[in-house]
């Protein structure tokens, strides 16, 4: 997946080195981020063996207006593995008007 190849190019390497596991990442998010109040779609893959779809629940309180969806037969790279269902889910969110305010 060449489109993701440069994802770390602008990353803060010192920050990435400081967080070594998911518990630390979740703790940082919960302790340092204010709730994001705009409509949000959290889309995860049931077979994600990198983050796991259940891990998104850990930060869900930071997104009080979120829609949460889990796609079966999808792992960590949802769009590359289940392009049509991802597209339909995003379209439904956009058509609902939740992303328009």
C-alpha atoms as a PDB file:
ATOM      1  CA  UNK A   1       0.000   0.000   0.000  1.00  0.00           C
ATOM      2  CA  UNK A   2       2.157   2.767  -1.350  1.00  0.00           C
ATOM      3  CA  UNK A   3      -0.307   5.475  -0.318  1.00  0.00           C
ATOM      4  CA  UNK A   4       0.603   4.910   3.353  1.00  0.00           C
ATOM      5  CA  UNK A   5       4.362   4.766   2.799  1.00  0.00           C
ATOM      6  CA  UNK A   6       5.110   8.341   3.850  1.00  0.00           C
ATOM      7  CA  UNK A   7       2.882   8.368   6.911  1.00  0.00           C
ATOM      8  CA  UNK A   8       5.724   8.864   9.382  1.00  0.00           C
ATOM      9  CA  UNK A   9       7.568  11.486   7.331  1.00  0.00           C
ATOM     10  CA  UNK A  10       6.264  14.404   9.414  1.00  0.00           C
ATOM     11  CA  UNK A  11       5.930  12.501  12.675  1.00  0.00           C
ATOM     12  CA  UNK A  12       7.375  13.665  15.973  1.00  0.00           C
ATOM     13  CA  UNK A  13       9.850  10.808  16.485  1.00  0.00           C
ATOM     14  CA  UNK A  14      10.638  11.767  20.093  1.00  0.00           C
ATOM     15  CA  UNK A  15       6.930  11.584  20.950  1.00  0.00           C
ATOM     16  CA  UNK A  16       6.526   8.254  19.153  1.00  0.00           C
ATOM     17  CA  UNK A  17       9.542   6.856  20.999  1.00  0.00           C
ATOM     18  CA  UNK A  18       8.079   7.993  24.335  1.00  0.00           C
ATOM     19  CA  UNK A  19       4.870   6.019  23.929  1.00  0.00           C
ATOM     20  CA  UNK A  20       5.575   2.338  23.767  1.00  0.00           C
ATOM     21  CA  UNK A  21       2.262   0.594  24.198  1.00  0.00           C
ATOM     22  CA  UNK A  22      -1.471   1.050  23.712  1.00  0.00           C
ATOM     23  CA  UNK A  23      -2.138   1.762  27.394  1.00  0.00           C
ATOM     24  CA  UNK A  24       0.238   4.727  27.264  1.00  0.00           C
ATOM     25  CA  UNK A  25      -1.320   6.043  24.067  1.00  0.00           C
ATOM     26  CA  UNK A  26      -4.838   5.797  25.492  1.00  0.00           C
ATOM     27  CA  UNK A  27      -3.687   7.438  28.728  1.00  0.00           C
ATOM     28  CA  UNK A  28      -2.126  10.303  26.820  1.00  0.00           C
ATOM     29  CA  UNK A  29      -5.296  10.812  24.798  1.00  0.00           C
ATOM     30  CA  UNK A  30      -7.581  10.678  27.812  1.00  0.00           C
ATOM     31  CA  UNK A  31      -5.378  12.929  29.930  1.00  0.00           C
ATOM     32  CA  UNK A  32      -4.426  15.557  27.394  1.00  0.00           C
ATOM     33  CA  UNK A  33      -7.281  15.886  24.929  1.00  0.00           C
ATOM     34  CA  UNK A  34     -10.505  17.796  25.290  1.00  0.00           C
ATOM     35  CA  UNK A  35     -13.607  16.116  23.871  1.00  0.00           C
ATOM     36  CA  UNK A  36     -14.032  16.531  20.125  1.00  0.00           C
ATOM     37  CA  UNK A  37     -17.585  17.830  19.754  1.00  0.00           C
ATOM     38  CA  UNK A  38     -18.121  17.587  15.999  1.00  0.00           C
ATOM     39  CA  UNK A  39     -19.806  14.586  14.372  1.00  0.00           C
ATOM     40  CA  UNK A  40     -17.255  11.815  13.979  1.00  0.00           C
ATOM     41  CA  UNK A  41     -17.193   8.398  12.355  1.00  0.00           C
ATOM     42  CA  UNK A  42     -15.058   5.799  14.107  1.00  0.00           C
ATOM     43  CA  UNK A  43     -14.698   2.892  11.708  1.00  0.00           C
ATOM     44  CA  UNK A  44     -12.741  -0.187  12.760  1.00  0.00           C
ATOM     45  CA  UNK A  45     -12.023  -3.662  11.414  1.00  0.00           C
ATOM     46  CA  UNK A  46     -13.061  -6.674  13.467  1.00  0.00           C
ATOM     47  CA  UNK A  47      -9.910  -8.557  12.435  1.00  0.00           C
ATOM     48  CA  UNK A  48      -7.527  -5.662  13.165  1.00  0.00           C
ATOM     49  CA  UNK A  49      -4.547  -7.332  14.813  1.00  0.00           C
ATOM     50  CA  UNK A  50      -2.654  -4.037  15.186  1.00  0.00           C
ATOM     51  CA  UNK A  51      -5.056  -1.964  17.309  1.00  0.00           C
ATOM     52  CA  UNK A  52      -8.082  -4.190  17.752  1.00  0.00           C
ATOM     53  CA  UNK A  53     -11.590  -2.882  17.272  1.00  0.00           C
ATOM     54  CA  UNK A  54     -12.347  -2.957  21.008  1.00  0.00           C
ATOM     55  CA  UNK A  55      -9.558  -0.473  21.741  1.00  0.00           C
ATOM     56  CA  UNK A  56     -11.546   2.324  20.113  1.00  0.00           C
ATOM     57  CA  UNK A  57     -14.025   2.091  22.991  1.00  0.00           C
ATOM     58  CA  UNK A  58     -11.241   3.260  25.323  1.00  0.00           C
ATOM     59  CA  UNK A  59     -11.272   6.752  23.799  1.00  0.00           C
ATOM     60  CA  UNK A  60     -14.919   6.907  22.739  1.00  0.00           C
ATOM     61  CA  UNK A  61     -15.768   9.286  25.583  1.00  0.00           C
ATOM     62  CA  UNK A  62     -13.597  11.885  23.855  1.00  0.00           C
ATOM     63  CA  UNK A  63     -16.006  11.804  20.883  1.00  0.00           C
ATOM     64  CA  UNK A  64     -19.491  12.362  22.343  1.00  0.00           C
ATOM     65  CA  UNK A  65     -21.112  12.698  18.903  1.00  0.00           C
ATOM     66  CA  UNK A  66     -19.394   9.683  17.356  1.00  0.00           C
ATOM     67  CA  UNK A  67     -20.918   6.949  15.266  1.00  0.00           C
ATOM     68  CA  UNK A  68     -19.057   3.699  15.925  1.00  0.00           C
ATOM     69  CA  UNK A  69     -18.977   0.953  13.276  1.00  0.00           C
ATOM     70  CA  UNK A  70     -17.086  -2.343  13.086  1.00  0.00           C
ATOM     71  CA  UNK A  71     -16.598  -4.014   9.708  1.00  0.00           C
ATOM     72  CA  UNK A  72     -16.274  -7.783   9.618  1.00  0.00           C
ATOM     73  CA  UNK A  73     -13.594  -9.270   7.345  1.00  0.00           C
ATOM     74  CA  UNK A  74     -11.472  -6.145   7.692  1.00  0.00           C
ATOM     75  CA  UNK A  75      -8.218  -5.619   9.508  1.00  0.00           C
ATOM     76  CA  UNK A  76      -6.103  -2.538  10.143  1.00  0.00           C
ATOM     77  CA  UNK A  77      -6.185  -1.095   6.590  1.00  0.00           C
ATOM     78  CA  UNK A  78      -9.954  -0.907   6.170  1.00  0.00           C
ATOM     79  CA  UNK A  79     -10.064   0.960   2.900  1.00  0.00           C
ATOM     80  CA  UNK A  80      -7.665  -1.450   1.225  1.00  0.00           C
ATOM     81  CA  UNK A  81      -9.453  -4.539   2.515  1.00  0.00           C
ATOM     82  CA  UNK A  82     -13.141  -3.578   2.331  1.00  0.00           C
ATOM     83  CA  UNK A  83     -13.293  -0.550   0.039  1.00  0.00           C
ATOM     84  CA  UNK A  84     -17.002  -0.762  -0.892  1.00  0.00           C
ATOM     85  CA  UNK A  85     -18.331  -1.136   2.688  1.00  0.00           C
ATOM     86  CA  UNK A  86     -16.052   1.686   3.886  1.00  0.00           C
ATOM     87  CA  UNK A  87     -17.307   3.916   1.077  1.00  0.00           C
ATOM     88  CA  UNK A  88     -20.972   3.102   1.827  1.00  0.00           C
ATOM     89  CA  UNK A  89     -20.537   3.712   5.547  1.00  0.00           C
ATOM     90  CA  UNK A  90     -18.917   7.102   4.932  1.00  0.00           C
ATOM     91  CA  UNK A  91     -21.649   8.023   2.439  1.00  0.00           C
ATOM     92  CA  UNK A  92     -24.363   7.140   4.957  1.00  0.00           C
ATOM     93  CA  UNK A  93     -22.700   9.332   7.565  1.00  0.00           C
ATOM     94  CA  UNK A  94     -22.436  12.230   5.115  1.00  0.00           C
ATOM     95  CA  UNK A  95     -26.042  11.835   3.909  1.00  0.00           C
ATOM     96  CA  UNK A  96     -27.357  11.743   7.459  1.00  0.00           C
ATOM     97  CA  UNK A  97     -26.371  15.386   7.843  1.00  0.00           C
ATOM     98  CA  UNK A  98     -24.400  14.609  11.005  1.00  0.00           C
ATOM     99  CA  UNK A  99     -21.254  15.940   9.361  1.00  0.00           C
ATOM    100  CA  UNK A 100     -22.854  19.158   8.151  1.00  0.00           C
ATOM    101  CA  UNK A 101     -23.145  21.203  11.346  1.00  0.00           C
END
